[in-house]
Structure formats: structure tokens, C-alpha cells
Amino acid sequence: MKNIKTILPVLFLFISFSGLSQTATKYEQKNEIHYYSDTERKQDAYLNERCVLDIYYPKNKKDFSTIVWFHGGGLKAGEKEIPEALKNNDVAVIGVNYRLYPNVKAPIYIEDAAAAVAWAFQNIQKYGGNPEKIFISGHSAGGYLASMVGLDKKYLEKHGIDANQIAGLIPFSGHTITHFTVREERGIKGEQPVIDELAPLYHVRSDAPPLLMITGDRELELLGRYEENAYMYRMMKVVGHKETQLMELDGYDHGMVYPALPLLLKEVKRISSQNED
């Protein structure tokens, strides 16, 4: 007992000083960053207005992961956001604005999304992040954009980036068929499914980044949204993709963002940990 009594105060002091030496993570947010060049901005007033992003990042950490987040709104509405549940989790979050219908039409939305992702790859090291740990996510129209940028490699190739450098794709309730607004541009009703080069399903491939699709309850979701994601899951498996997952959130409708955000963070942590091994 005498030895234990001697050790305990020393141990207590060691733990106390160790705790004091650990610096709490500090975060900073920078807003309204343009992700197109000055030349492109001068040529297009609407591009200059809409094509901006916000970045929230750990200020005193290095090598952190980054989530590029695209807002929803049917490609017709919505504003960039940093979801509260993603804050203070040792990751950076980039909220992106992009041009909207009817001011622009496809594939401009996807080109803007790709330009924002390219900005992340080209700049995240300046903030302390690791360009090998960039994840793309978003809800609804944002999920569609995330999938298109990650699966159709031509959009990032314009910026000298291989889409396979993306660490993971995590679309929330996103179209995998051609988006209903793109169909509207062509005079096609929303109930008429189309799969063409503007559909993520058109670009299934075995070498794509890890893919986690999350939807609401199939009985509560928008028309056919779960089923088209389920078809995407099956076709990715058919072509030999090894890391495709599909999660259905029972009891939640299309507005399933809040319960899905912890799943996003868990997937980011899982893949980031693998990449460190």
C-alpha cells in the first residue's frame, strides 16, 4: 500500500500536466471565396455572383480531412451552407454555391461543382488539409452534383485532376438518373425516367472512389428516389466496384440530412484511417 500511495500523487500530476499540454482545436471560417479565375469572373457577372464558397477548418491542426458540401434545391434554389453537425469534428467543411436554373442549363451546374472541387484540391494544403482526404457530399441536387463530379471523370480532367483522387463520395438522397430539372429543360416530365450522360448511373465504373449513398425511407422519399439509388448500388456491384454502400433511413423522408450527417462523418473517419495505414 505504501508504494501505491507514493505513486498515485505523481500519476495525478502527470495526467494533469498532460491534459494542460493538449491544445484545444480552434476553428476558423472564411467566406465568399471565388473558385473561378479573375478572368472568368470578369466575363460573367452571374458566375462572379454565385460561384463562391465558404471554408470552415481546424486552424491549429494539420493533415485533416475535408468535406466539400453541395446544397440542395433542385438545381433551381438554395444557398451554400456549413451544416452545424459537421462543425468541431477535426475536419474542414467547404460549402459551395453554384449557378442555378433558369439562368443556366446543364451541364453548367456540374462544371461549377467540379471547379469548386478543383479549388479544394489546389488550395486545401494552404489551410493545413490533406488533398488525399477530400470527400464530396451534398443533399438532393447537391448529392447529384457530388456523384456526377466523382463518376464522370471529364469534369475534373478539365482542371488537371483525376476524379479517382477523391477519397469518397457520399451523396444524400441524390438522383442517380438524369436530374428532373435537366429533364425539365428538355420538356420531359418528372415522372419520365431518363438515363443518359447526365446521369450518374451512366458512369458506373469499377475504379470509382468509395461510394456511400444514403436515402430516406423508400415509402416517404421523393418519387422513386430510393429505388434509383438501389439500382445504382446494384450496377456498381455488377461492374465490379468493391466499395459501394447503400443506407436507407427508416422513418425519414427526403429531408433526411440531420440523421445522415453522423454517417457521413463516420465514413470520412473510416476511409481517412485506412489511408493512413
Protein backbone atom coordinates (compact mmCIF):
# COMPACT_ATOMS: atom_id res chain seq x y z
CA MET A 1 0.00 0.00 0.00
CA LYS A 2 2.89 2.35 0.77
CA ASN A 3 4.16 2.13 -2.82
CA ILE A 4 0.70 2.79 -4.28
CA LYS A 5 0.26 5.90 -2.10
CA THR A 6 3.58 7.19 -3.34
CA ILE A 7 2.77 6.58 -7.00
CA LEU A 8 -0.77 7.99 -7.08
CA PRO A 9 0.10 11.69 -6.46
CA VAL A 10 2.82 11.52 -9.11
CA LEU A 11 0.43 9.86 -11.55
CA PHE A 12 -2.20 12.51 -10.83
CA LEU A 13 0.27 15.31 -11.52
CA PHE A 14 1.39 13.63 -14.76
CA ILE A 15 -2.20 13.31 -16.02
CA SER A 16 -2.97 16.90 -15.05
CA PHE A 17 0.06 18.35 -16.84
CA SER A 18 -0.58 16.10 -19.85
CA GLY A 19 -4.12 17.43 -20.11
CA LEU A 20 -2.92 21.02 -19.89
CA SER A 21 -0.38 20.42 -22.64
CA GLN A 22 -3.05 19.31 -25.11
CA THR A 23 -4.14 22.29 -27.14
CA ALA A 24 -7.85 22.51 -27.90
CA THR A 25 -8.71 22.57 -31.59
CA LYS A 26 -9.52 26.05 -32.85
CA TYR A 27 -11.64 26.65 -35.92
CA GLU A 28 -11.85 29.48 -38.40
CA GLN A 29 -14.28 30.25 -41.21
CA LYS A 30 -13.54 32.24 -44.35
CA ASN A 31 -16.41 33.26 -46.59
CA GLU A 32 -17.17 34.31 -50.14
CA ILE A 33 -14.07 32.83 -51.75
CA HIS A 34 -14.26 32.83 -55.55
CA TYR A 35 -13.34 29.48 -57.10
CA TYR A 36 -13.08 30.64 -60.71
CA SER A 37 -10.23 32.77 -62.05
CA ASP A 38 -10.36 36.56 -62.18
CA THR A 39 -10.53 36.40 -65.97
CA GLU A 40 -13.59 34.11 -65.91
CA ARG A 41 -15.27 36.26 -63.25
CA LYS A 42 -14.90 39.43 -65.33
CA GLN A 43 -16.53 37.75 -68.31
CA ASP A 44 -19.68 36.56 -66.50
CA ALA A 45 -21.48 38.63 -63.87
CA TYR A 46 -23.69 35.74 -62.73
CA LEU A 47 -20.69 33.46 -62.35
CA ASN A 48 -18.97 36.17 -60.32
CA GLU A 49 -22.02 36.43 -58.06
CA ARG A 50 -22.81 32.75 -57.50
CA CYS A 51 -19.55 30.85 -57.80
CA VAL A 52 -18.22 31.36 -54.31
CA LEU A 53 -17.56 29.08 -51.35
CA ASP A 54 -17.08 29.21 -47.58
CA ILE A 55 -14.48 27.13 -45.76
CA TYR A 56 -14.60 26.11 -42.09
CA TYR A 57 -11.41 24.43 -40.95
CA PRO A 58 -9.27 23.45 -37.93
CA LYS A 59 -6.85 26.35 -37.61
CA ASN A 60 -4.23 24.61 -35.45
CA LYS A 61 -4.36 21.11 -36.96
CA LYS A 62 -2.58 19.57 -39.93
CA ASP A 63 -3.35 16.75 -42.35
CA PHE A 64 -7.09 16.93 -41.71
CA SER A 65 -9.83 15.60 -43.98
CA THR A 66 -12.11 17.90 -45.97
CA ILE A 67 -15.79 17.58 -46.88
CA VAL A 68 -16.97 19.53 -49.91
CA TRP A 69 -20.71 20.07 -49.35
CA PHE A 70 -23.21 20.97 -52.10
CA HIS A 71 -26.61 22.35 -51.09
CA GLY A 72 -29.90 21.04 -52.43
CA GLY A 73 -32.76 22.89 -54.08
CA GLY A 74 -33.48 21.09 -57.33
CA LEU A 75 -30.71 23.00 -59.19
CA LYS A 76 -33.16 25.93 -59.00
CA ALA A 77 -32.66 27.32 -55.49
CA GLY A 78 -30.58 27.07 -52.32
CA GLU A 79 -27.57 28.67 -50.71
CA LYS A 80 -24.17 27.41 -49.59
CA GLU A 81 -24.06 26.15 -46.04
CA ILE A 82 -21.78 24.61 -43.42
CA PRO A 83 -24.05 22.11 -41.62
CA GLU A 84 -23.77 22.65 -37.86
CA ALA A 85 -23.40 18.94 -37.14
CA LEU A 86 -20.22 18.83 -39.24
CA LYS A 87 -18.51 21.56 -37.23
CA ASN A 88 -15.96 20.88 -34.46
CA ASN A 89 -15.13 17.39 -35.74
CA ASP A 90 -11.48 17.89 -36.75
CA VAL A 91 -12.44 18.16 -40.42
CA ALA A 92 -12.74 21.06 -42.83
CA VAL A 93 -16.08 21.73 -44.48
CA ILE A 94 -16.44 23.67 -47.73
CA GLY A 95 -19.93 24.97 -48.53
CA VAL A 96 -20.40 25.74 -52.22
CA ASN A 97 -22.71 27.97 -54.25
CA TYR A 98 -23.22 27.20 -57.93
CA ARG A 99 -25.23 28.74 -60.73
CA LEU A 100 -28.92 27.86 -60.93
CA TYR A 101 -31.69 27.20 -63.45
CA PRO A 102 -33.14 29.03 -65.37
CA ASN A 103 -30.13 31.36 -65.53
CA VAL A 104 -28.04 28.44 -66.75
CA LYS A 105 -28.70 24.93 -68.01
CA ALA A 106 -26.90 21.59 -67.87
CA PRO A 107 -24.05 20.85 -67.69
CA ILE A 108 -23.13 24.25 -66.18
CA TYR A 109 -24.20 23.12 -62.70
CA ILE A 110 -21.80 20.19 -62.86
CA GLU A 111 -18.99 22.30 -64.28
CA ASP A 112 -19.35 24.71 -61.35
CA ALA A 113 -19.30 21.83 -58.87
CA ALA A 114 -16.15 20.44 -60.49
CA ALA A 115 -14.47 23.86 -60.37
CA ALA A 116 -15.20 24.08 -56.63
CA VAL A 117 -13.81 20.59 -56.02
CA ALA A 118 -10.73 21.52 -58.06
CA TRP A 119 -10.30 24.59 -55.84
CA ALA A 120 -10.27 22.29 -52.82
CA PHE A 121 -7.58 20.08 -54.33
CA GLN A 122 -5.47 23.07 -55.31
CA ASN A 123 -5.79 25.04 -52.08
CA ILE A 124 -6.54 22.83 -49.09
CA GLN A 125 -2.86 22.39 -48.19
CA LYS A 126 -2.64 26.16 -47.61
CA TYR A 127 -5.12 25.67 -44.76
CA GLY A 128 -3.35 22.59 -43.38
CA GLY A 129 -5.51 19.92 -45.00
CA ASN A 130 -4.51 16.79 -46.87
CA PRO A 131 -5.51 16.73 -50.58
CA GLU A 132 -5.62 12.93 -50.37
CA LYS A 133 -8.51 13.20 -47.89
CA ILE A 134 -11.08 15.19 -49.83
CA PHE A 135 -14.64 13.87 -49.68
CA ILE A 136 -17.58 15.07 -51.78
CA SER A 137 -21.11 15.16 -50.38
CA GLY A 138 -24.38 17.05 -50.58
CA HIS A 139 -28.13 16.68 -50.31
CA SER A 140 -30.62 16.10 -53.14
CA ALA A 141 -29.39 18.24 -56.07
CA GLY A 142 -26.13 18.51 -54.14
CA GLY A 143 -25.93 14.73 -53.96
CA TYR A 144 -26.49 14.54 -57.70
CA LEU A 145 -23.64 17.01 -58.30
CA ALA A 146 -21.33 15.08 -55.97
CA SER A 147 -22.00 11.86 -57.88
CA MET A 148 -21.58 13.43 -61.31
CA VAL A 149 -18.27 15.09 -60.42
CA GLY A 150 -16.93 11.86 -58.92
CA LEU A 151 -18.13 9.43 -61.58
CA ASP A 152 -17.86 11.29 -64.90
CA LYS A 153 -14.14 11.98 -64.96
CA LYS A 154 -14.24 14.58 -67.75
CA TYR A 155 -15.36 17.43 -65.46
CA LEU A 156 -12.32 17.30 -63.18
CA GLU A 157 -9.99 16.42 -66.06
CA LYS A 158 -10.52 20.00 -67.32
CA HIS A 159 -8.71 21.11 -64.15
CA GLY A 160 -5.93 18.53 -64.39
CA ILE A 161 -7.40 16.33 -61.65
CA ASP A 162 -8.22 12.64 -61.77
CA ALA A 163 -11.62 12.06 -60.15
CA ASN A 164 -10.19 8.92 -58.58
CA GLN A 165 -8.19 11.17 -56.27
CA ILE A 166 -11.43 11.87 -54.40
CA ALA A 167 -11.30 9.97 -51.12
CA GLY A 168 -15.01 9.21 -51.05
CA LEU A 169 -18.42 10.10 -52.46
CA ILE A 170 -21.33 10.37 -50.01
CA PRO A 171 -24.47 11.67 -51.77
CA PHE A 172 -27.60 12.22 -49.66
CA SER A 173 -30.82 11.34 -51.48
CA GLY A 174 -29.37 12.35 -54.83
CA HIS A 175 -30.66 11.48 -58.28
CA THR A 176 -28.76 8.66 -59.94
CA ILE A 177 -30.87 9.01 -63.09
CA THR A 178 -30.81 12.27 -65.09
CA HIS A 179 -31.89 15.09 -62.77
CA PHE A 180 -35.54 16.16 -63.06
CA THR A 181 -34.53 19.78 -63.73
CA VAL A 182 -32.32 18.65 -66.62
CA ARG A 183 -35.33 16.71 -67.92
CA GLU A 184 -37.48 19.82 -67.47
CA GLU A 185 -35.03 21.75 -69.65
CA ARG A 186 -35.88 19.28 -72.44
CA GLY A 187 -39.63 19.33 -71.87
CA ILE A 188 -39.67 15.88 -70.23
CA LYS A 189 -41.98 15.31 -67.27
CA GLY A 190 -40.51 14.42 -63.88
CA GLU A 191 -42.28 11.05 -63.88
CA GLN A 192 -40.42 10.01 -67.05
CA PRO A 193 -37.06 8.50 -66.06
CA VAL A 194 -34.06 9.13 -68.28
CA ILE A 195 -30.55 7.70 -68.08
CA ASP A 196 -28.05 9.44 -70.32
CA GLU A 197 -24.61 11.04 -69.97
CA LEU A 198 -26.04 13.47 -67.39
CA ALA A 199 -26.99 10.59 -65.10
CA PRO A 200 -24.59 9.15 -62.51
CA LEU A 201 -25.90 5.70 -63.49
CA TYR A 202 -24.49 6.20 -66.99
CA HIS A 203 -20.99 6.39 -65.50
CA VAL A 204 -20.83 3.31 -63.27
CA ARG A 205 -17.25 2.02 -63.17
CA SER A 206 -15.21 -0.35 -61.09
CA ASP A 207 -12.37 2.08 -60.32
CA ALA A 208 -14.50 4.89 -58.87
CA PRO A 209 -13.87 6.31 -55.38
CA PRO A 210 -15.67 4.63 -52.47
CA LEU A 211 -19.39 5.37 -52.72
CA LEU A 212 -21.87 5.60 -49.84
CA MET A 213 -25.42 6.51 -50.87
CA ILE A 214 -27.86 7.49 -48.15
CA THR A 215 -31.60 7.96 -48.72
CA GLY A 216 -34.74 8.43 -46.70
CA ASP A 217 -37.40 5.76 -46.24
CA ARG A 218 -38.47 4.35 -49.62
CA GLU A 219 -42.13 4.93 -48.72
CA LEU A 220 -41.53 8.57 -47.72
CA GLU A 221 -38.87 9.67 -50.21
CA LEU A 222 -39.45 11.62 -53.42
CA LEU A 223 -40.80 9.54 -56.29
CA GLY A 224 -38.53 6.56 -56.87
CA ARG A 225 -35.51 8.15 -55.16
CA TYR A 226 -34.64 5.12 -53.02
CA GLU A 227 -35.20 2.71 -55.91
CA GLU A 228 -32.91 4.55 -58.32
CA ASN A 229 -30.19 4.58 -55.66
CA ALA A 230 -30.77 0.86 -55.14
CA TYR A 231 -30.33 0.33 -58.88
CA MET A 232 -27.13 2.37 -58.76
CA TYR A 233 -25.93 0.17 -55.90
CA ARG A 234 -26.64 -2.99 -57.91
CA MET A 235 -25.00 -1.75 -61.11
CA MET A 236 -21.87 -0.59 -59.30
CA LYS A 237 -21.61 -4.08 -57.85
CA VAL A 238 -22.20 -5.62 -61.28
CA VAL A 239 -19.30 -3.69 -62.85
CA GLY A 240 -17.02 -4.81 -60.01
CA HIS A 241 -16.85 -1.78 -57.71
CA LYS A 242 -15.73 -3.04 -54.31
CA GLU A 243 -16.77 -0.16 -52.05
CA THR A 244 -20.38 0.73 -52.78
CA GLN A 245 -22.83 1.01 -49.88
CA LEU A 246 -26.49 2.00 -49.66
CA MET A 247 -28.21 3.08 -46.46
CA GLU A 248 -31.96 3.71 -46.09
CA LEU A 249 -33.06 5.79 -43.09
CA ASP A 250 -36.36 4.28 -41.97
CA GLY A 251 -38.94 6.82 -40.89
CA TYR A 252 -37.28 9.79 -42.62
CA ASP A 253 -38.50 11.49 -45.78
CA HIS A 254 -36.45 13.41 -48.35
CA GLY A 255 -35.38 15.90 -45.69
CA MET A 256 -33.11 13.30 -44.12
CA VAL A 257 -29.97 15.41 -43.76
CA TYR A 258 -29.75 15.68 -39.97
CA PRO A 259 -29.69 11.92 -39.16
CA ALA A 260 -27.38 11.26 -42.11
CA LEU A 261 -24.62 13.71 -41.12
CA PRO A 262 -23.14 11.42 -38.40
CA LEU A 263 -22.99 8.65 -41.02
CA LEU A 264 -21.06 10.99 -43.28
CA LEU A 265 -18.56 11.77 -40.52
CA LYS A 266 -18.21 8.07 -39.69
CA GLU A 267 -17.45 7.26 -43.33
CA VAL A 268 -14.90 10.08 -43.56
CA LYS A 269 -13.18 8.77 -40.44
CA ARG A 270 -13.22 5.18 -41.70
CA ILE A 271 -11.67 5.95 -45.07
CA SER A 272 -9.20 8.51 -43.68
CA SER A 273 -7.97 5.95 -41.14
CA GLN A 274 -7.48 3.39 -43.91
CA ASN A 275 -5.49 5.88 -45.96
CA GLU A 276 -3.16 6.46 -43.02
CA ASP A 277 -2.34 2.75 -42.66
